[in-house]
Amino acid sequence: MIIEKLERAVHILEKSPEFAQLIPEVRSNLVMAKRDAQTIDDVAGIPGRITSVHGLPRAVASPDFGASSHMARLVLGVMHYDPERRSAFNIKYHPDLVEICRKLGLRVSSYDRSNEPEEVAKKEGSSISWGVKIAVENLNGAVPDIIYHQGAWGKEPMIVMVGIEVEELAEMAVCLAKLFISLKSKNYKP
């Protein structure tokens, strides 16, 4: 079922030229974990990620388990606090996107990568779980719908959407893209 859900989510994204504007430089990945997932091999994602081709979102390959280490670690970190939140999706950071999420009533939290302890930074793969922990602490133990950071040296700023169903995250990303484009066009001054 997880692979099929990811395929449906990718189809939603690939039909949206608007979503292409939210793909970060490192590209997007959409993941969903098995119930009681313990390792990155228990999390399915898109090998090669989702990119933009001629202005349209395109998955590089079909979904598979073990396809994303970064997003898999993030969703495993989230599941530590809420086992039902098994899906995650990264999009580019922009302050207007964060503000849109807040206005939509989503729980938004962040962490500052410059405050990352040296022992965390040195241990491969531990930055993400540290970021999730800080984002949850910043909401007094509640799991955010949106986790973001503004980057650091060599690290692109990023927004991660967290949820239960991966298709809902895809639909929300398309909605955010349309709202973001609408806001940009209203603010455009030639």
Protein backbone atom coordinates (compact mmCIF):
# COMPACT_ATOMS: atom_id res chain seq x y z
CA MET A 1 0.00 0.00 0.00
CA ILE A 2 2.81 2.48 0.79
CA ILE A 3 4.32 2.29 -2.72
CA GLU A 4 0.86 2.78 -4.26
CA LYS A 5 0.19 5.77 -2.01
CA LEU A 6 3.50 7.32 -3.03
CA GLU A 7 2.70 6.71 -6.71
CA ARG A 8 -0.64 8.50 -6.30
CA ALA A 9 1.08 11.39 -4.47
CA VAL A 10 3.69 11.71 -7.23
CA HIS A 11 0.88 11.77 -9.82
CA ILE A 12 -0.77 14.67 -7.95
CA LEU A 13 2.52 16.60 -8.00
CA GLU A 14 3.38 15.86 -11.62
CA LYS A 15 0.04 17.35 -12.73
CA SER A 16 0.90 20.67 -11.06
CA PRO A 17 3.18 23.08 -12.92
CA GLU A 18 2.75 25.39 -9.91
CA PHE A 19 4.45 22.90 -7.62
CA ALA A 20 7.63 23.07 -9.74
CA GLN A 21 8.26 26.50 -8.17
CA LEU A 22 8.55 24.92 -4.70
CA ILE A 23 11.25 22.39 -5.60
CA PRO A 24 14.48 23.28 -3.77
CA GLU A 25 17.96 23.15 -5.32
CA VAL A 26 18.57 19.80 -3.59
CA ARG A 27 15.27 18.59 -5.09
CA SER A 28 12.22 17.28 -3.22
CA ASN A 29 11.59 13.89 -1.74
CA LEU A 30 8.35 12.47 -0.51
CA VAL A 31 8.51 9.61 1.99
CA MET A 32 6.22 7.31 3.91
CA ALA A 33 7.24 4.85 6.61
CA LYS A 34 5.85 1.46 7.51
CA ARG A 35 4.02 1.24 10.82
CA ASP A 36 6.61 0.65 13.56
CA ALA A 37 9.45 1.59 11.18
CA GLN A 38 12.89 1.36 12.77
CA THR A 39 15.40 1.97 9.95
CA ILE A 40 15.64 3.90 6.69
CA ASP A 41 14.90 0.63 4.88
CA ASP A 42 11.42 0.77 6.46
CA VAL A 43 10.75 4.10 4.72
CA ALA A 44 9.82 4.42 1.05
CA GLY A 45 10.75 7.44 -1.03
CA ILE A 46 11.66 8.48 -4.56
CA PRO A 47 15.10 7.32 -5.74
CA GLY A 48 16.80 10.38 -7.26
CA ARG A 49 14.08 12.64 -5.85
CA ILE A 50 11.53 14.87 -7.59
CA THR A 51 12.97 17.46 -9.92
CA SER A 52 11.69 19.99 -12.47
CA VAL A 53 11.83 19.19 -16.18
CA HIS A 54 10.66 21.91 -18.59
CA GLY A 55 8.77 23.57 -15.75
CA LEU A 56 6.98 20.43 -14.61
CA PRO A 57 7.65 18.29 -11.53
CA ARG A 58 9.00 14.84 -12.43
CA ALA A 59 9.94 11.89 -10.26
CA VAL A 60 13.27 10.50 -11.40
CA ALA A 61 12.25 6.91 -10.59
CA SER A 62 9.42 4.88 -9.10
CA PRO A 63 9.03 4.81 -5.31
CA ASP A 64 11.04 2.24 -3.38
CA PHE A 65 12.02 1.41 0.19
CA GLY A 66 15.36 2.74 1.40
CA ALA A 67 15.44 5.41 -1.31
CA SER A 68 15.94 8.45 0.93
CA SER A 69 18.26 8.62 3.90
CA HIS A 70 17.68 12.28 4.90
CA MET A 71 13.90 12.34 4.69
CA ALA A 72 13.70 8.81 6.11
CA ARG A 73 15.67 9.89 9.18
CA LEU A 74 13.39 12.90 9.55
CA VAL A 75 10.19 10.85 9.47
CA LEU A 76 11.69 8.28 11.86
CA GLY A 77 12.50 11.17 14.21
CA VAL A 78 8.93 12.47 13.97
CA MET A 79 7.51 8.98 14.61
CA HIS A 80 9.42 8.94 17.90
CA TYR A 81 6.96 11.65 19.07
CA ASP A 82 3.88 10.61 17.05
CA PRO A 83 3.90 7.13 15.43
CA GLU A 84 0.93 8.06 13.21
CA ARG A 85 2.87 10.85 11.46
CA ARG A 86 4.61 8.55 8.96
CA SER A 87 4.88 10.87 5.95
CA ALA A 88 7.13 13.83 5.13
CA PHE A 89 7.90 16.04 2.14
CA ASN A 90 10.54 18.74 1.68
CA ILE A 91 9.99 21.95 -0.29
CA LYS A 92 12.05 25.11 -0.71
CA TYR A 93 12.18 27.64 2.09
CA HIS A 94 10.65 31.06 1.63
CA PRO A 95 9.35 33.27 4.47
CA ASP A 96 6.09 33.81 2.57
CA LEU A 97 5.51 30.03 2.49
CA VAL A 98 6.01 29.87 6.26
CA GLU A 99 3.54 32.73 6.71
CA ILE A 100 0.97 31.05 4.43
CA CYS A 101 1.27 27.87 6.52
CA ARG A 102 0.66 29.84 9.72
CA LYS A 103 -2.37 31.60 8.21
CA LEU A 104 -3.77 28.20 7.20
CA GLY A 105 -3.65 27.20 10.86
CA LEU A 106 -0.85 24.66 10.48
CA ARG A 107 1.44 24.04 13.47
CA VAL A 108 4.74 25.60 12.42
CA SER A 109 8.07 25.21 14.18
CA SER A 110 11.72 25.71 13.31
CA TYR A 111 15.25 25.18 14.45
CA ASP A 112 18.45 27.12 13.94
CA ARG A 113 21.19 25.02 12.36
CA SER A 114 23.82 27.43 13.69
CA ASN A 115 22.89 26.27 17.23
CA GLU A 116 23.58 22.64 16.40
CA PRO A 117 25.92 21.15 19.01
CA GLU A 118 29.36 20.18 17.69
CA GLU A 119 28.93 16.53 18.71
CA VAL A 120 25.69 16.36 16.70
CA ALA A 121 27.26 18.03 13.65
CA LYS A 122 30.18 15.58 13.70
CA LYS A 123 28.01 12.44 13.82
CA GLU A 124 26.73 11.53 10.32
CA GLY A 125 22.93 11.56 10.13
CA SER A 126 22.25 13.02 13.58
CA SER A 127 21.53 16.63 12.52
CA ILE A 128 18.05 15.78 11.29
CA SER A 129 16.87 14.02 14.45
CA TRP A 130 18.34 16.90 16.49
CA GLY A 131 16.36 19.39 14.35
CA VAL A 132 13.13 17.42 14.83
CA LYS A 133 13.73 17.31 18.61
CA ILE A 134 14.24 21.09 18.78
CA ALA A 135 11.18 21.77 16.58
CA VAL A 136 9.00 19.58 18.84
CA GLU A 137 10.42 21.21 22.00
CA ASN A 138 9.65 24.64 20.51
CA LEU A 139 5.97 23.57 20.36
CA ASN A 140 5.95 22.26 23.94
CA GLY A 141 5.99 18.64 22.81
CA ALA A 142 3.52 18.91 19.93
CA VAL A 143 4.58 17.55 16.56
CA PRO A 144 4.59 20.33 13.96
CA ASP A 145 2.86 20.11 10.59
CA ILE A 146 5.67 22.26 9.21
CA ILE A 147 9.33 22.20 10.28
CA TYR A 148 11.74 24.66 8.73
CA HIS A 149 15.28 25.96 9.04
CA GLN A 150 16.96 28.90 7.33
CA GLY A 151 20.07 26.99 6.35
CA ALA A 152 23.69 27.15 7.39
CA TRP A 153 27.08 27.06 5.70
CA GLY A 154 26.63 24.63 2.78
CA LYS A 155 23.07 23.75 3.83
CA GLU A 156 20.09 24.97 1.82
CA PRO A 157 17.21 26.47 3.81
CA MET A 158 14.29 24.04 3.82
CA ILE A 159 10.66 23.48 4.77
CA VAL A 160 9.45 19.98 5.60
CA MET A 161 5.79 19.11 5.68
CA VAL A 162 4.86 16.30 8.09
CA GLY A 163 1.65 14.27 8.03
CA ILE A 164 -0.19 11.00 8.25
CA GLU A 165 -1.05 10.37 4.60
CA VAL A 166 1.42 11.09 1.82
CA GLU A 167 -1.31 11.98 -0.71
CA GLU A 168 -2.57 14.70 1.63
CA LEU A 169 0.93 16.17 1.79
CA ALA A 170 1.09 16.25 -2.01
CA GLU A 171 -2.29 17.98 -2.21
CA MET A 172 -1.22 20.47 0.47
CA ALA A 173 2.02 21.19 -1.41
CA VAL A 174 0.07 21.96 -4.60
CA CYS A 175 -2.25 24.24 -2.61
CA LEU A 176 0.74 26.02 -1.03
CA ALA A 177 2.30 26.48 -4.46
CA LYS A 178 -0.86 28.08 -5.85
CA LEU A 179 -1.19 30.39 -2.84
CA PHE A 180 2.50 31.30 -3.04
CA ILE A 181 2.26 32.14 -6.76
CA SER A 182 -0.89 34.17 -6.16
CA LEU A 183 0.80 36.12 -3.36
CA LYS A 184 3.88 36.78 -5.49
CA SER A 185 1.76 38.05 -8.39
CA LYS A 186 -0.15 40.41 -6.06
CA ASN A 187 3.13 41.77 -4.70
CA TYR A 188 4.72 42.12 -8.13
CA LYS A 189 5.56 45.73 -9.02
CA PRO A 190 6.94 46.29 -12.53
